[in-house]
Amino acid sequence: LLAVLFRLMQPQNIVLIVWDACRLDMVKSHAPTLCSLAGSNLWFEHAITPAGHSLPSHVSLMTGKYPHEHGIFRQGQMIDSLTLLKTLDKQGYTRYGVSANGFASSMYGFDKDFDEFYNTQGQMIFPTGLDIHKYGRRIREENSGNFDINSINYIDLIRTIVSHDQPLRSAINV
């Protein structure tokens, strides 16, 4: 009995899949494994987004707040924190994020409250090389939330590449 109670008290695994910009009929016809998982898990077939594009919608999903409450409305705004992830951390969950969405990325601070975060959107050929998305976010933070090609200190970038564990892979990523 004690073993059963202990198992029930352990946090269950959570896999949250957000597949925005994809029609339900396409999911049903092209992702049968996901559909089979829906039978024994939570599935939100009639979910409605609180905003017209990804950045505020994803922040709402991860904070439980509407855009007018969390303040993220447009491209270029940085995310302060994601309440859901902080709550899961306090409950003992390890939080991994994988995203190919440019708005749900480290460029906007979406990675802050994950233990590990992987951006699979183009450009990163070698995951063991320099994470150029995190590097870009650092540049943006150092420049008061602004980022453009003129914000890059190329001498610093070369030093960062050369001092990385995988300099060749880092250079290719850049």
C-alpha atoms as a PDB file:
ATOM      1  CA  LEU A   1       0.000   0.000   0.000  1.00  0.00           C
ATOM      2  CA  LEU A   2       2.817   2.405   0.856  1.00  0.00           C
ATOM      3  CA  ALA A   3       4.469   1.746  -2.533  1.00  0.00           C
ATOM      4  CA  VAL A   4       1.197   2.513  -4.350  1.00  0.00           C
ATOM      5  CA  LEU A   5       0.709   5.749  -2.394  1.00  0.00           C
ATOM      6  CA  PHE A   6       4.298   6.786  -3.090  1.00  0.00           C
ATOM      7  CA  ARG A   7       3.788   6.181  -6.838  1.00  0.00           C
ATOM      8  CA  LEU A   8       0.598   8.243  -6.805  1.00  0.00           C
ATOM      9  CA  MET A   9       2.439  11.125  -5.127  1.00  0.00           C
ATOM     10  CA  GLN A  10       5.176  11.196  -7.800  1.00  0.00           C
ATOM     11  CA  PRO A  11       4.732  13.822 -10.510  1.00  0.00           C
ATOM     12  CA  GLN A  12       3.466  12.386 -13.784  1.00  0.00           C
ATOM     13  CA  ASN A  13       5.205  13.163 -17.045  1.00  0.00           C
ATOM     14  CA  ILE A  14       3.700  16.022 -19.014  1.00  0.00           C
ATOM     15  CA  VAL A  15       4.173  16.464 -22.734  1.00  0.00           C
ATOM     16  CA  LEU A  16       2.618  19.644 -24.073  1.00  0.00           C
ATOM     17  CA  ILE A  17       2.471  19.781 -27.849  1.00  0.00           C
ATOM     18  CA  VAL A  18       1.469  23.082 -29.385  1.00  0.00           C
ATOM     19  CA  TRP A  19       0.953  22.750 -33.094  1.00  0.00           C
ATOM     20  CA  ASP A  20      -0.325  26.149 -34.075  1.00  0.00           C
ATOM     21  CA  ALA A  21      -1.108  27.092 -37.649  1.00  0.00           C
ATOM     22  CA  CYS A  22      -2.206  23.546 -38.434  1.00  0.00           C
ATOM     23  CA  ARG A  23      -5.799  22.591 -39.128  1.00  0.00           C
ATOM     24  CA  LEU A  24      -7.328  19.797 -37.052  1.00  0.00           C
ATOM     25  CA  ASP A  25      -8.211  17.717 -40.119  1.00  0.00           C
ATOM     26  CA  MET A  26      -4.547  17.788 -41.163  1.00  0.00           C
ATOM     27  CA  VAL A  27      -3.426  16.617 -37.714  1.00  0.00           C
ATOM     28  CA  LYS A  28      -5.945  13.779 -37.817  1.00  0.00           C
ATOM     29  CA  SER A  29      -4.870  12.642 -41.278  1.00  0.00           C
ATOM     30  CA  HIS A  30      -1.087  13.132 -40.955  1.00  0.00           C
ATOM     31  CA  ALA A  31      -0.315  12.465 -37.294  1.00  0.00           C
ATOM     32  CA  PRO A  32      -1.975   9.180 -36.325  1.00  0.00           C
ATOM     33  CA  THR A  33       0.356   8.619 -33.356  1.00  0.00           C
ATOM     34  CA  LEU A  34      -0.625  11.953 -31.827  1.00  0.00           C
ATOM     35  CA  CYS A  35      -4.264  11.145 -32.417  1.00  0.00           C
ATOM     36  CA  SER A  36      -3.891   7.763 -30.713  1.00  0.00           C
ATOM     37  CA  LEU A  37      -2.329   9.482 -27.698  1.00  0.00           C
ATOM     38  CA  ALA A  38      -5.352  11.761 -27.504  1.00  0.00           C
ATOM     39  CA  GLY A  39      -7.567   8.835 -26.563  1.00  0.00           C
ATOM     40  CA  SER A  40      -5.864   8.368 -23.188  1.00  0.00           C
ATOM     41  CA  ASN A  41      -4.694  11.924 -22.512  1.00  0.00           C
ATOM     42  CA  LEU A  42      -5.940  15.498 -22.547  1.00  0.00           C
ATOM     43  CA  TRP A  43      -6.813  16.768 -26.011  1.00  0.00           C
ATOM     44  CA  PHE A  44      -8.180  20.226 -26.686  1.00  0.00           C
ATOM     45  CA  GLU A  45     -10.059  19.956 -29.934  1.00  0.00           C
ATOM     46  CA  HIS A  46     -11.819  23.317 -29.591  1.00  0.00           C
ATOM     47  CA  ALA A  47      -9.005  25.426 -28.166  1.00  0.00           C
ATOM     48  CA  ILE A  48      -9.229  29.109 -29.007  1.00  0.00           C
ATOM     49  CA  THR A  49      -6.240  31.387 -29.039  1.00  0.00           C
ATOM     50  CA  PRO A  50      -6.328  34.640 -27.053  1.00  0.00           C
ATOM     51  CA  ALA A  51      -4.306  36.478 -29.719  1.00  0.00           C
ATOM     52  CA  GLY A  52      -3.829  36.629 -33.460  1.00  0.00           C
ATOM     53  CA  HIS A  53      -0.197  35.522 -33.534  1.00  0.00           C
ATOM     54  CA  SER A  54       2.220  33.162 -31.813  1.00  0.00           C
ATOM     55  CA  LEU A  55       4.167  35.269 -29.299  1.00  0.00           C
ATOM     56  CA  PRO A  56       1.270  36.541 -27.152  1.00  0.00           C
ATOM     57  CA  SER A  57      -0.618  33.258 -27.606  1.00  0.00           C
ATOM     58  CA  HIS A  58       2.283  31.161 -26.333  1.00  0.00           C
ATOM     59  CA  VAL A  59       2.867  33.505 -23.394  1.00  0.00           C
ATOM     60  CA  SER A  60      -0.837  33.211 -22.507  1.00  0.00           C
ATOM     61  CA  LEU A  61      -0.611  29.422 -22.670  1.00  0.00           C
ATOM     62  CA  MET A  62       2.370  29.382 -20.321  1.00  0.00           C
ATOM     63  CA  THR A  63       1.112  32.026 -17.869  1.00  0.00           C
ATOM     64  CA  GLY A  64      -2.659  31.532 -17.808  1.00  0.00           C
ATOM     65  CA  LYS A  65      -3.091  35.241 -18.532  1.00  0.00           C
ATOM     66  CA  TYR A  66      -4.599  37.137 -21.431  1.00  0.00           C
ATOM     67  CA  PRO A  67      -2.313  39.428 -23.463  1.00  0.00           C
ATOM     68  CA  HIS A  68      -3.721  42.548 -21.777  1.00  0.00           C
ATOM     69  CA  GLU A  69      -2.666  40.995 -18.428  1.00  0.00           C
ATOM     70  CA  HIS A  70       0.840  39.765 -19.322  1.00  0.00           C
ATOM     71  CA  GLY A  71       1.592  42.725 -21.619  1.00  0.00           C
ATOM     72  CA  ILE A  72       3.082  40.861 -24.598  1.00  0.00           C
ATOM     73  CA  PHE A  73       1.348  42.072 -27.755  1.00  0.00           C
ATOM     74  CA  ARG A  74       3.853  42.376 -30.574  1.00  0.00           C
ATOM     75  CA  GLN A  75       7.096  41.127 -32.047  1.00  0.00           C
ATOM     76  CA  GLY A  76      10.215  42.374 -30.300  1.00  0.00           C
ATOM     77  CA  GLN A  77       8.924  42.270 -26.729  1.00  0.00           C
ATOM     78  CA  MET A  78      10.875  40.154 -24.233  1.00  0.00           C
ATOM     79  CA  ILE A  79       9.153  37.641 -21.957  1.00  0.00           C
ATOM     80  CA  ASP A  80       9.802  38.138 -18.241  1.00  0.00           C
ATOM     81  CA  SER A  81       8.773  34.704 -16.996  1.00  0.00           C
ATOM     82  CA  LEU A  82       6.488  31.802 -17.708  1.00  0.00           C
ATOM     83  CA  THR A  83       4.422  31.096 -14.592  1.00  0.00           C
ATOM     84  CA  LEU A  84       3.459  27.540 -15.539  1.00  0.00           C
ATOM     85  CA  LEU A  85       7.106  26.504 -15.815  1.00  0.00           C
ATOM     86  CA  LYS A  86       8.013  28.074 -12.473  1.00  0.00           C
ATOM     87  CA  THR A  87       5.113  26.215 -10.842  1.00  0.00           C
ATOM     88  CA  LEU A  88       6.218  22.929 -12.399  1.00  0.00           C
ATOM     89  CA  ASP A  89       9.778  23.553 -11.187  1.00  0.00           C
ATOM     90  CA  LYS A  90       8.539  24.020  -7.597  1.00  0.00           C
ATOM     91  CA  GLN A  91       6.691  20.703  -7.911  1.00  0.00           C
ATOM     92  CA  GLY A  92       9.865  18.860  -8.911  1.00  0.00           C
ATOM     93  CA  TYR A  93       9.476  18.647 -12.669  1.00  0.00           C
ATOM     94  CA  THR A  94      12.410  18.855 -15.032  1.00  0.00           C
ATOM     95  CA  ARG A  95      11.366  21.168 -17.847  1.00  0.00           C
ATOM     96  CA  TYR A  96      12.559  20.650 -21.422  1.00  0.00           C
ATOM     97  CA  GLY A  97      11.488  22.812 -24.316  1.00  0.00           C
ATOM     98  CA  VAL A  98      11.806  22.111 -28.028  1.00  0.00           C
ATOM     99  CA  SER A  99      10.528  24.656 -30.503  1.00  0.00           C
ATOM    100  CA  ALA A 100      10.800  25.434 -34.188  1.00  0.00           C
ATOM    101  CA  ASN A 101       8.635  28.532 -33.711  1.00  0.00           C
ATOM    102  CA  GLY A 102      10.679  31.708 -33.952  1.00  0.00           C
ATOM    103  CA  PHE A 103       8.406  33.434 -31.418  1.00  0.00           C
ATOM    104  CA  ALA A 104       8.530  30.580 -28.894  1.00  0.00           C
ATOM    105  CA  SER A 105      12.317  30.861 -28.851  1.00  0.00           C
ATOM    106  CA  SER A 106      15.247  32.149 -26.854  1.00  0.00           C
ATOM    107  CA  MET A 107      15.227  35.318 -28.985  1.00  0.00           C
ATOM    108  CA  TYR A 108      12.180  36.468 -27.005  1.00  0.00           C
ATOM    109  CA  GLY A 109      13.155  34.913 -23.669  1.00  0.00           C
ATOM    110  CA  PHE A 110      10.837  31.936 -24.039  1.00  0.00           C
ATOM    111  CA  ASP A 111      13.636  29.634 -22.865  1.00  0.00           C
ATOM    112  CA  LYS A 112      14.217  31.345 -19.494  1.00  0.00           C
ATOM    113  CA  ASP A 113      12.224  29.022 -17.248  1.00  0.00           C
ATOM    114  CA  PHE A 114      13.160  25.718 -18.906  1.00  0.00           C
ATOM    115  CA  ASP A 115      15.984  23.552 -17.562  1.00  0.00           C
ATOM    116  CA  GLU A 116      17.026  22.920 -21.145  1.00  0.00           C
ATOM    117  CA  PHE A 117      15.670  24.511 -24.299  1.00  0.00           C
ATOM    118  CA  TYR A 118      16.363  23.565 -27.902  1.00  0.00           C
ATOM    119  CA  ASN A 119      15.453  25.753 -30.825  1.00  0.00           C
ATOM    120  CA  THR A 120      15.126  23.634 -33.953  1.00  0.00           C
ATOM    121  CA  GLN A 121      14.360  26.530 -36.278  1.00  0.00           C
ATOM    122  CA  GLY A 122      16.897  26.494 -39.102  1.00  0.00           C
ATOM    123  CA  GLN A 123      20.367  27.932 -38.683  1.00  0.00           C
ATOM    124  CA  MET A 124      21.568  25.603 -35.877  1.00  0.00           C
ATOM    125  CA  ILE A 125      23.282  22.826 -37.802  1.00  0.00           C
ATOM    126  CA  PHE A 126      25.263  21.531 -34.815  1.00  0.00           C
ATOM    127  CA  PRO A 127      23.457  21.436 -31.448  1.00  0.00           C
ATOM    128  CA  THR A 128      26.817  20.947 -29.672  1.00  0.00           C
ATOM    129  CA  GLY A 129      28.170  24.160 -31.181  1.00  0.00           C
ATOM    130  CA  LEU A 130      27.433  27.736 -30.112  1.00  0.00           C
ATOM    131  CA  ASP A 131      23.705  28.307 -29.625  1.00  0.00           C
ATOM    132  CA  ILE A 132      23.307  31.357 -31.827  1.00  0.00           C
ATOM    133  CA  HIS A 133      19.773  31.953 -30.579  1.00  0.00           C
ATOM    134  CA  LYS A 134      20.990  32.357 -26.978  1.00  0.00           C
ATOM    135  CA  TYR A 135      23.881  34.478 -28.218  1.00  0.00           C
ATOM    136  CA  GLY A 136      21.423  36.719 -30.061  1.00  0.00           C
ATOM    137  CA  ARG A 137      19.253  37.030 -26.954  1.00  0.00           C
ATOM    138  CA  ARG A 138      22.285  38.057 -24.919  1.00  0.00           C
ATOM    139  CA  ILE A 139      23.094  40.765 -27.482  1.00  0.00           C
ATOM    140  CA  ARG A 140      19.480  41.950 -27.379  1.00  0.00           C
ATOM    141  CA  GLU A 141      19.509  42.134 -23.546  1.00  0.00           C
ATOM    142  CA  GLU A 142      22.819  44.024 -23.565  1.00  0.00           C
ATOM    143  CA  ASN A 143      21.280  46.551 -25.964  1.00  0.00           C
ATOM    144  CA  SER A 144      18.134  47.311 -23.939  1.00  0.00           C
ATOM    145  CA  GLY A 145      15.915  44.935 -25.897  1.00  0.00           C
ATOM    146  CA  ASN A 146      17.087  46.036 -29.350  1.00  0.00           C
ATOM    147  CA  PHE A 147      18.807  43.805 -31.862  1.00  0.00           C
ATOM    148  CA  ASP A 148      20.058  44.477 -35.337  1.00  0.00           C
ATOM    149  CA  ILE A 149      23.138  43.517 -37.304  1.00  0.00           C
ATOM    150  CA  ASN A 150      24.975  46.601 -35.989  1.00  0.00           C
ATOM    151  CA  SER A 151      24.516  45.365 -32.403  1.00  0.00           C
ATOM    152  CA  ILE A 152      26.995  42.530 -32.921  1.00  0.00           C
ATOM    153  CA  ASN A 153      30.551  42.999 -31.678  1.00  0.00           C
ATOM    154  CA  TYR A 154      32.306  40.740 -34.172  1.00  0.00           C
ATOM    155  CA  ILE A 155      35.556  40.555 -32.160  1.00  0.00           C
ATOM    156  CA  ASP A 156      33.507  39.283 -29.177  1.00  0.00           C
ATOM    157  CA  LEU A 157      31.703  36.833 -31.447  1.00  0.00           C
ATOM    158  CA  ILE A 158      35.017  35.435 -32.764  1.00  0.00           C
ATOM    159  CA  ARG A 159      36.345  35.111 -29.190  1.00  0.00           C
ATOM    160  CA  THR A 160      33.156  33.301 -28.191  1.00  0.00           C
ATOM    161  CA  ILE A 161      33.483  30.889 -31.120  1.00  0.00           C
ATOM    162  CA  VAL A 162      37.181  30.173 -30.510  1.00  0.00           C
ATOM    163  CA  SER A 163      36.718  29.620 -26.762  1.00  0.00           C
ATOM    164  CA  HIS A 164      33.731  27.277 -27.225  1.00  0.00           C
ATOM    165  CA  ASP A 165      34.194  23.498 -26.681  1.00  0.00           C
ATOM    166  CA  GLN A 166      33.289  22.999 -30.351  1.00  0.00           C
ATOM    167  CA  PRO A 167      34.785  25.988 -32.220  1.00  0.00           C
ATOM    168  CA  LEU A 168      34.425  24.564 -35.728  1.00  0.00           C
ATOM    169  CA  ARG A 169      30.795  23.577 -35.162  1.00  0.00           C
ATOM    170  CA  SER A 170      30.165  26.966 -33.524  1.00  0.00           C
ATOM    171  CA  ALA A 171      31.593  28.789 -36.530  1.00  0.00           C
ATOM    172  CA  ILE A 172      29.401  26.744 -38.881  1.00  0.00           C
ATOM    173  CA  ASN A 173      26.324  27.566 -36.765  1.00  0.00           C
ATOM    174  CA  VAL A 174      27.120  31.266 -37.028  1.00  0.00           C
END
